[in-house]
């Protein structure tokens, strides 16, 4: 299972948090049976102070509480959520739950 990250941040508000989370995501380990590649994208929207996170899997996954979706996109199946005043460790736990969600 390959897990990749990228970001398109418009301001410096989330730079440190996103850098920390991208590093941690690089250490996520899926169980050896999973073959569900995943991309995590961090982004901001103009005049919106939230951090938006898209997680796209190659194949559908079980639903994870707090995540919107699924939506079928060119790269697979996308789930999304936003964060505002959330500690990076909590954001990371919630992202990990989605990244490592069981394939259906």
Protein backbone atom coordinates (compact mmCIF):
# COMPACT_ATOMS: atom_id res chain seq x y z
CA UNK A 1 0.00 0.00 0.00
CA UNK A 2 1.46 3.33 -1.05
CA UNK A 3 0.50 6.42 0.94
CA UNK A 4 1.40 9.79 -0.56
CA UNK A 5 0.79 13.35 0.61
CA UNK A 6 0.76 16.78 -0.96
CA UNK A 7 -0.45 20.21 0.00
CA UNK A 8 -1.61 23.44 -1.60
CA UNK A 9 -1.68 25.93 1.25
CA UNK A 10 -2.56 29.56 0.56
CA UNK A 11 -1.30 31.03 3.84
CA UNK A 12 1.27 30.16 6.48
CA UNK A 13 -1.39 29.36 9.08
CA UNK A 14 -1.18 25.58 8.71
CA UNK A 15 2.42 25.11 7.48
CA UNK A 16 3.87 23.73 10.72
CA UNK A 17 0.92 21.43 11.42
CA UNK A 18 0.86 20.08 7.86
CA UNK A 19 4.63 19.47 7.86
CA UNK A 20 4.31 17.51 11.11
CA UNK A 21 1.38 15.48 9.79
CA UNK A 22 3.03 14.72 6.44
CA UNK A 23 6.07 13.37 8.26
CA UNK A 24 3.90 11.22 10.56
CA UNK A 25 1.78 9.93 7.65
CA UNK A 26 5.01 8.70 6.07
CA UNK A 27 5.31 6.30 9.03
CA UNK A 28 1.78 4.85 8.83
CA UNK A 29 1.78 1.09 8.43
CA UNK A 30 -1.12 -0.80 6.91
CA UNK A 31 -1.59 -4.49 7.49
CA UNK A 32 0.18 -6.51 4.83
CA UNK A 33 -3.03 -7.66 3.16
CA UNK A 34 -4.15 -4.16 2.17
CA UNK A 35 -3.63 -3.15 -1.45
CA UNK A 36 -5.47 0.16 -1.34
CA UNK A 37 -3.16 2.99 -2.36
CA UNK A 38 -4.00 6.31 -0.76
CA UNK A 39 -3.28 9.99 -1.34
CA UNK A 40 -3.76 12.65 1.36
CA UNK A 41 -4.12 16.26 0.21
CA UNK A 42 -4.07 19.24 2.57
CA UNK A 43 -5.45 22.53 1.26
CA UNK A 44 -7.01 25.86 2.14
CA UNK A 45 -9.84 27.77 0.51
CA UNK A 46 -9.79 31.55 0.13
CA UNK A 47 -11.43 33.36 3.09
CA UNK A 48 -11.89 30.11 4.98
CA UNK A 49 -9.58 29.56 7.95
CA UNK A 50 -10.07 25.79 8.03
CA UNK A 51 -7.61 23.14 6.98
CA UNK A 52 -9.27 20.90 4.40
CA UNK A 53 -8.12 17.31 3.98
CA UNK A 54 -8.96 14.97 1.12
CA UNK A 55 -8.14 11.28 1.40
CA UNK A 56 -8.44 9.38 -1.86
CA UNK A 57 -8.19 5.59 -1.94
CA UNK A 58 -7.87 3.50 -5.06
CA UNK A 59 -10.72 1.25 -3.85
CA UNK A 60 -13.77 1.96 -1.61
CA UNK A 61 -13.34 1.78 2.15
CA UNK A 62 -15.59 1.45 5.13
CA UNK A 63 -16.99 4.76 6.39
CA UNK A 64 -15.11 6.61 9.10
CA UNK A 65 -16.97 8.89 11.50
CA UNK A 66 -16.46 12.60 10.79
CA UNK A 67 -15.51 12.20 7.13
CA UNK A 68 -17.77 13.28 4.25
CA UNK A 69 -18.06 11.07 1.21
CA UNK A 70 -17.47 8.87 -0.52
CA UNK A 71 -17.25 10.55 -3.91
CA UNK A 72 -16.04 8.78 -7.02
CA UNK A 73 -13.20 10.75 -8.63
CA UNK A 74 -10.70 10.01 -11.40
CA UNK A 75 -8.12 8.70 -8.89
CA UNK A 76 -10.51 6.51 -6.91
CA UNK A 77 -12.81 7.16 -3.96
CA UNK A 78 -12.51 10.44 -2.04
CA UNK A 79 -13.43 11.37 1.54
CA UNK A 80 -13.09 14.89 2.94
CA UNK A 81 -13.17 16.74 6.22
CA UNK A 82 -12.11 20.08 7.66
CA UNK A 83 -10.26 21.04 10.80
CA UNK A 84 -10.30 24.35 12.64
CA UNK A 85 -9.07 24.55 16.22
CA UNK A 86 -7.90 20.97 16.59
CA UNK A 87 -4.62 19.80 18.07
CA UNK A 88 -2.30 18.27 15.44
CA UNK A 89 -2.19 14.96 17.33
CA UNK A 90 -5.98 14.69 17.19
CA UNK A 91 -6.05 15.65 13.50
CA UNK A 92 -3.42 13.01 12.83
CA UNK A 93 -5.44 10.30 14.63
CA UNK A 94 -8.50 11.15 12.56
CA UNK A 95 -6.51 11.19 9.32
CA UNK A 96 -4.88 7.88 10.26
CA UNK A 97 -8.32 6.32 10.82
CA UNK A 98 -9.34 7.34 7.28
CA UNK A 99 -6.05 6.45 5.59
CA UNK A 100 -6.03 2.98 7.13
CA UNK A 101 -9.80 2.39 6.77
CA UNK A 102 -10.65 -1.17 5.81
CA UNK A 103 -11.28 -1.82 2.15
CA UNK A 104 -14.76 -3.03 1.23
